[in-house]
PDB file of N, CA and C in Angstrom:
ATOM      1  N   MET A   1      -1.885  32.757  47.069  1.00  0.00           N
ATOM      2  CA  MET A   1      -1.338  31.762  47.970  1.00  0.00           C
ATOM      3  C   MET A   1      -0.241  30.943  47.292  1.00  0.00           C
ATOM      4  N   ILE A   2      -0.462  30.643  46.017  1.00  0.00           N
ATOM      5  CA  ILE A   2       0.537  29.866  45.283  1.00  0.00           C
ATOM      6  C   ILE A   2       1.805  30.684  45.114  1.00  0.00           C
ATOM      7  N   ASP A   3       1.646  31.983  44.873  1.00  0.00           N
ATOM      8  CA  ASP A   3       2.808  32.851  44.719  1.00  0.00           C
ATOM      9  C   ASP A   3       3.654  32.887  45.983  1.00  0.00           C
ATOM     10  N   SER A   4       3.018  32.817  47.139  1.00  0.00           N
ATOM     11  CA  SER A   4       3.786  32.850  48.384  1.00  0.00           C
ATOM     12  C   SER A   4       4.660  31.608  48.516  1.00  0.00           C
ATOM     13  N   HIS A   5       4.151  30.466  48.044  1.00  0.00           N
ATOM     14  CA  HIS A   5       4.964  29.246  48.091  1.00  0.00           C
ATOM     15  C   HIS A   5       6.159  29.352  47.143  1.00  0.00           C
ATOM     16  N   LEU A   6       5.903  29.885  45.946  1.00  0.00           N
ATOM     17  CA  LEU A   6       7.000  30.030  45.000  1.00  0.00           C
ATOM     18  C   LEU A   6       8.021  31.046  45.486  1.00  0.00           C
ATOM     19  N   THR A   7       7.556  32.146  46.084  1.00  0.00           N
ATOM     20  CA  THR A   7       8.462  33.150  46.636  1.00  0.00           C
ATOM     21  C   THR A   7       9.298  32.545  47.748  1.00  0.00           C
ATOM     22  N   TYR A   8       8.652  31.749  48.581  1.00  0.00           N
ATOM     23  CA  TYR A   8       9.367  31.086  49.666  1.00  0.00           C
ATOM     24  C   TYR A   8      10.464  30.190  49.118  1.00  0.00           C
ATOM     25  N   LEU A   9      10.144  29.446  48.074  1.00  0.00           N
ATOM     26  CA  LEU A   9      11.133  28.531  47.506  1.00  0.00           C
ATOM     27  C   LEU A   9      12.283  29.283  46.841  1.00  0.00           C
ATOM     28  N   LEU A  10      11.993  30.450  46.265  1.00  0.00           N
ATOM     29  CA  LEU A  10      13.045  31.204  45.594  1.00  0.00           C
ATOM     30  C   LEU A  10      13.929  31.970  46.572  1.00  0.00           C
ATOM     31  N   LYS A  11      13.380  32.477  47.673  1.00  0.00           N
ATOM     32  CA  LYS A  11      14.145  33.292  48.616  1.00  0.00           C
ATOM     33  C   LYS A  11      15.048  32.445  49.516  1.00  0.00           C
ATOM     34  N   THR A  12      14.561  31.282  49.880  1.00  0.00           N
ATOM     35  CA  THR A  12      15.334  30.446  50.798  1.00  0.00           C
ATOM     36  C   THR A  12      15.783  29.186  50.084  1.00  0.00           C
ATOM     37  N   LYS A  13      16.682  28.505  50.682  1.00  0.00           N
ATOM     38  CA  LYS A  13      17.085  27.209  50.173  1.00  0.00           C
ATOM     39  C   LYS A  13      16.592  26.164  51.170  1.00  0.00           C
ATOM     40  N   PRO A  14      15.340  25.767  51.044  1.00  0.00           N
ATOM     41  CA  PRO A  14      14.787  24.814  51.997  1.00  0.00           C
ATOM     42  C   PRO A  14      15.370  23.426  51.770  1.00  0.00           C
ATOM     43  N   ASN A  15      15.249  22.627  52.788  1.00  0.00           N
ATOM     44  CA  ASN A  15      15.729  21.263  52.631  1.00  0.00           C
ATOM     45  C   ASN A  15      14.713  20.478  51.799  1.00  0.00           C
ATOM     46  N   MET A  16      15.023  19.257  51.493  1.00  0.00           N
ATOM     47  CA  MET A  16      14.185  18.446  50.604  1.00  0.00           C
ATOM     48  C   MET A  16      12.788  18.224  51.186  1.00  0.00           C
ATOM     49  N   GLU A  17      12.693  18.110  52.487  1.00  0.00           N
ATOM     50  CA  GLU A  17      11.398  17.878  53.138  1.00  0.00           C
ATOM     51  C   GLU A  17      10.467  19.082  52.952  1.00  0.00           C
ATOM     52  N   ASP A  18      11.009  20.296  53.070  1.00  0.00           N
ATOM     53  CA  ASP A  18      10.206  21.499  52.873  1.00  0.00           C
ATOM     54  C   ASP A  18       9.760  21.626  51.415  1.00  0.00           C
ATOM     55  N   GLN A  19      10.637  21.293  50.499  1.00  0.00           N
ATOM     56  CA  GLN A  19      10.282  21.361  49.082  1.00  0.00           C
ATOM     57  C   GLN A  19       9.178  20.364  48.755  1.00  0.00           C
ATOM     58  N   THR A  20       9.292  19.174  49.315  1.00  0.00           N
ATOM     59  CA  THR A  20       8.276  18.153  49.077  1.00  0.00           C
ATOM     60  C   THR A  20       6.932  18.594  49.634  1.00  0.00           C
ATOM     61  N   LYS A  21       6.941  19.152  50.825  1.00  0.00           N
ATOM     62  CA  LYS A  21       5.698  19.620  51.444  1.00  0.00           C
ATOM     63  C   LYS A  21       5.073  20.750  50.621  1.00  0.00           C
ATOM     64  N   ALA A  22       5.883  21.688  50.149  1.00  0.00           N
ATOM     65  CA  ALA A  22       5.383  22.795  49.347  1.00  0.00           C
ATOM     66  C   ALA A  22       4.826  22.292  48.010  1.00  0.00           C
ATOM     67  N   LEU A  23       5.486  21.314  47.423  1.00  0.00           N
ATOM     68  CA  LEU A  23       5.024  20.762  46.154  1.00  0.00           C
ATOM     69  C   LEU A  23       3.702  20.023  46.324  1.00  0.00           C
ATOM     70  N   ARG A  24       3.571  19.271  47.397  1.00  0.00           N
ATOM     71  CA  ARG A  24       2.313  18.559  47.655  1.00  0.00           C
ATOM     72  C   ARG A  24       1.172  19.536  47.905  1.00  0.00           C
ATOM     73  N   THR A  25       1.440  20.616  48.619  1.00  0.00           N
ATOM     74  CA  THR A  25       0.423  21.632  48.870  1.00  0.00           C
ATOM     75  C   THR A  25      -0.015  22.278  47.561  1.00  0.00           C
ATOM     76  N   LEU A  26       0.938  22.605  46.724  1.00  0.00           N
ATOM     77  CA  LEU A  26       0.640  23.214  45.433  1.00  0.00           C
ATOM     78  C   LEU A  26      -0.172  22.262  44.558  1.00  0.00           C
ATOM     79  N   ALA A  27       0.198  20.991  44.543  1.00  0.00           N
ATOM     80  CA  ALA A  27      -0.521  19.997  43.742  1.00  0.00           C
ATOM     81  C   ALA A  27      -1.956  19.837  44.236  1.00  0.00           C
ATOM     82  N   ALA A  28      -2.152  19.857  45.554  1.00  0.00           N
ATOM     83  CA  ALA A  28      -3.505  19.735  46.101  1.00  0.00           C
ATOM     84  C   ALA A  28      -4.362  20.932  45.706  1.00  0.00           C
ATOM     85  N   LYS A  29      -3.779  22.121  45.713  1.00  0.00           N
ATOM     86  CA  LYS A  29      -4.530  23.318  45.338  1.00  0.00           C
ATOM     87  C   LYS A  29      -4.872  23.317  43.853  1.00  0.00           C
ATOM     88  N   ARG A  30      -4.021  22.749  43.039  1.00  0.00           N
ATOM     89  CA  ARG A  30      -4.279  22.734  41.597  1.00  0.00           C
ATOM     90  C   ARG A  30      -5.411  21.794  41.245  1.00  0.00           C
ATOM     91  N   TRP A  31      -5.744  20.831  42.111  1.00  0.00           N
ATOM     92  CA  TRP A  31      -6.832  19.899  41.849  1.00  0.00           C
ATOM     93  C   TRP A  31      -8.188  20.479  42.206  1.00  0.00           C
ATOM     94  N   ARG A  32      -8.245  21.495  43.045  1.00  0.00           N
ATOM     95  CA  ARG A  32      -9.530  22.010  43.528  1.00  0.00           C
ATOM     96  C   ARG A  32     -10.373  22.604  42.408  1.00  0.00           C
ATOM     97  N   ILE A  33      -9.799  23.456  41.602  1.00  0.00           N
ATOM     98  CA  ILE A  33     -10.563  24.135  40.554  1.00  0.00           C
ATOM     99  C   ILE A  33     -11.092  23.143  39.510  1.00  0.00           C
ATOM    100  N   PRO A  34     -10.285  22.221  38.991  1.00  0.00           N
ATOM    101  CA  PRO A  34     -10.845  21.272  38.022  1.00  0.00           C
ATOM    102  C   PRO A  34     -11.962  20.418  38.612  1.00  0.00           C
ATOM    103  N   LEU A  35     -11.834  20.031  39.862  1.00  0.00           N
ATOM    104  CA  LEU A  35     -12.897  19.232  40.466  1.00  0.00           C
ATOM    105  C   LEU A  35     -14.179  20.042  40.640  1.00  0.00           C
ATOM    106  N   MET A  36     -14.050  21.298  41.033  1.00  0.00           N
ATOM    107  CA  MET A  36     -15.229  22.145  41.177  1.00  0.00           C
ATOM    108  C   MET A  36     -15.887  22.389  39.817  1.00  0.00           C
ATOM    109  N   LEU A  37     -15.102  22.622  38.790  1.00  0.00           N
ATOM    110  CA  LEU A  37     -15.659  22.836  37.453  1.00  0.00           C
ATOM    111  C   LEU A  37     -16.312  21.561  36.914  1.00  0.00           C
ATOM    112  N   SER A  38     -15.722  20.423  37.188  1.00  0.00           N
ATOM    113  CA  SER A  38     -16.321  19.155  36.759  1.00  0.00           C
ATOM    114  C   SER A  38     -17.653  18.921  37.467  1.00  0.00           C
ATOM    115  N   GLY A  39     -17.700  19.225  38.759  1.00  0.00           N
ATOM    116  CA  GLY A  39     -18.950  19.082  39.504  1.00  0.00           C
ATOM    117  C   GLY A  39     -20.035  20.001  38.969  1.00  0.00           C
ATOM    118  N   ALA A  40     -19.670  21.235  38.664  1.00  0.00           N
ATOM    119  CA  ALA A  40     -20.640  22.180  38.111  1.00  0.00           C
ATOM    120  C   ALA A  40     -21.127  21.704  36.742  1.00  0.00           C
ATOM    121  N   MET A  41     -20.227  21.178  35.931  1.00  0.00           N
ATOM    122  CA  MET A  41     -20.609  20.682  34.620  1.00  0.00           C
ATOM    123  C   MET A  41     -21.582  19.511  34.737  1.00  0.00           C
ATOM    124  N   MET A  42     -21.319  18.598  35.663  1.00  0.00           N
ATOM    125  CA  MET A  42     -22.212  17.458  35.861  1.00  0.00           C
ATOM    126  C   MET A  42     -23.582  17.913  36.360  1.00  0.00           C
ATOM    127  N   PHE A  43     -23.608  18.888  37.252  1.00  0.00           N
ATOM    128  CA  PHE A  43     -24.871  19.423  37.772  1.00  0.00           C
ATOM    129  C   PHE A  43     -25.701  20.024  36.637  1.00  0.00           C
ATOM    130  N   ILE A  44     -25.071  20.808  35.777  1.00  0.00           N
ATOM    131  CA  ILE A  44     -25.769  21.422  34.655  1.00  0.00           C
ATOM    132  C   ILE A  44     -26.232  20.352  33.662  1.00  0.00           C
ATOM    133  N   TYR A  45     -25.392  19.372  33.407  1.00  0.00           N
ATOM    134  CA  TYR A  45     -25.734  18.297  32.465  1.00  0.00           C
ATOM    135  C   TYR A  45     -26.942  17.507  32.952  1.00  0.00           C
ATOM    136  N   VAL A  46     -26.929  17.072  34.202  1.00  0.00           N
ATOM    137  CA  VAL A  46     -28.043  16.301  34.757  1.00  0.00           C
ATOM    138  C   VAL A  46     -29.302  17.163  34.796  1.00  0.00           C
ATOM    139  N   GLY A  47     -29.169  18.423  35.152  1.00  0.00           N
ATOM    140  CA  GLY A  47     -30.319  19.318  35.152  1.00  0.00           C
ATOM    141  C   GLY A  47     -30.928  19.464  33.771  1.00  0.00           C
ATOM    142  N   PHE A  48     -30.102  19.574  32.739  1.00  0.00           N
ATOM    143  CA  PHE A  48     -30.595  19.688  31.372  1.00  0.00           C
ATOM    144  C   PHE A  48     -31.304  18.412  30.952  1.00  0.00           C
ATOM    145  N   ILE A  49     -30.725  17.260  31.260  1.00  0.00           N
ATOM    146  CA  ILE A  49     -31.351  15.977  30.916  1.00  0.00           C
ATOM    147  C   ILE A  49     -32.700  15.849  31.612  1.00  0.00           C
ATOM    148  N   LEU A  50     -32.770  16.225  32.894  1.00  0.00           N
ATOM    149  CA  LEU A  50     -34.045  16.173  33.610  1.00  0.00           C
ATOM    150  C   LEU A  50     -35.053  17.155  33.029  1.00  0.00           C
ATOM    151  N   LEU A  51     -34.601  18.301  32.616  1.00  0.00           N
ATOM    152  CA  LEU A  51     -35.492  19.283  31.999  1.00  0.00           C
ATOM    153  C   LEU A  51     -36.106  18.732  30.718  1.00  0.00           C
ATOM    154  N   ILE A  52     -35.301  18.079  29.912  1.00  0.00           N
ATOM    155  CA  ILE A  52     -35.800  17.478  28.668  1.00  0.00           C
ATOM    156  C   ILE A  52     -36.744  16.319  28.993  1.00  0.00           C
ATOM    157  N   ALA A  53     -36.385  15.486  29.948  1.00  0.00           N
ATOM    158  CA  ALA A  53     -37.205  14.325  30.286  1.00  0.00           C
ATOM    159  C   ALA A  53     -38.537  14.723  30.910  1.00  0.00           C
ATOM    160  N   LEU A  54     -38.575  15.773  31.693  1.00  0.00           N
ATOM    161  CA  LEU A  54     -39.793  16.169  32.397  1.00  0.00           C
ATOM    162  C   LEU A  54     -40.562  17.256  31.663  1.00  0.00           C
ATOM    163  N   ASN A  55     -40.110  17.674  30.504  1.00  0.00           N
ATOM    164  CA  ASN A  55     -40.765  18.753  29.777  1.00  0.00           C
ATOM    165  C   ASN A  55     -42.234  18.464  29.473  1.00  0.00           C
ATOM    166  N   PRO A  56     -42.595  17.244  29.034  1.00  0.00           N
ATOM    167  CA  PRO A  56     -44.024  16.981  28.806  1.00  0.00           C
ATOM    168  C   PRO A  56     -44.861  17.110  30.081  1.00  0.00           C
ATOM    169  N   LEU A  57     -44.303  16.759  31.215  1.00  0.00           N
ATOM    170  CA  LEU A  57     -45.023  16.850  32.475  1.00  0.00           C
ATOM    171  C   LEU A  57     -45.180  18.306  32.913  1.00  0.00           C
ATOM    172  N   LEU A  58     -44.195  19.142  32.586  1.00  0.00           N
ATOM    173  CA  LEU A  58     -44.230  20.538  33.019  1.00  0.00           C
ATOM    174  C   LEU A  58     -45.150  21.389  32.145  1.00  0.00           C
ATOM    175  N   SER A  59     -45.388  20.976  30.908  1.00  0.00           N
ATOM    176  CA  SER A  59     -46.181  21.806  29.997  1.00  0.00           C
ATOM    177  C   SER A  59     -47.678  21.543  30.120  1.00  0.00           C
ATOM    178  N   LEU A  60     -48.102  20.646  30.957  1.00  0.00           N
ATOM    179  CA  LEU A  60     -49.551  20.372  31.119  1.00  0.00           C
ATOM    180  C   LEU A  60     -50.254  21.453  31.838  1.00  0.00           C
TER     181      LEU A  60
END
């Protein structure tokens, strides 16, 4: 999807409004993966902390 935006920008000479819109779309897409990875990291971290905290209760 990102390649299609770059191809569009290279093939045509869009006006400033189109370039701004394409740049904002690209920036929004670039934030998705880091946020998803951060969420997964927090989920694993909290799960590990809970596992350590509840370990005495689970081994009974």
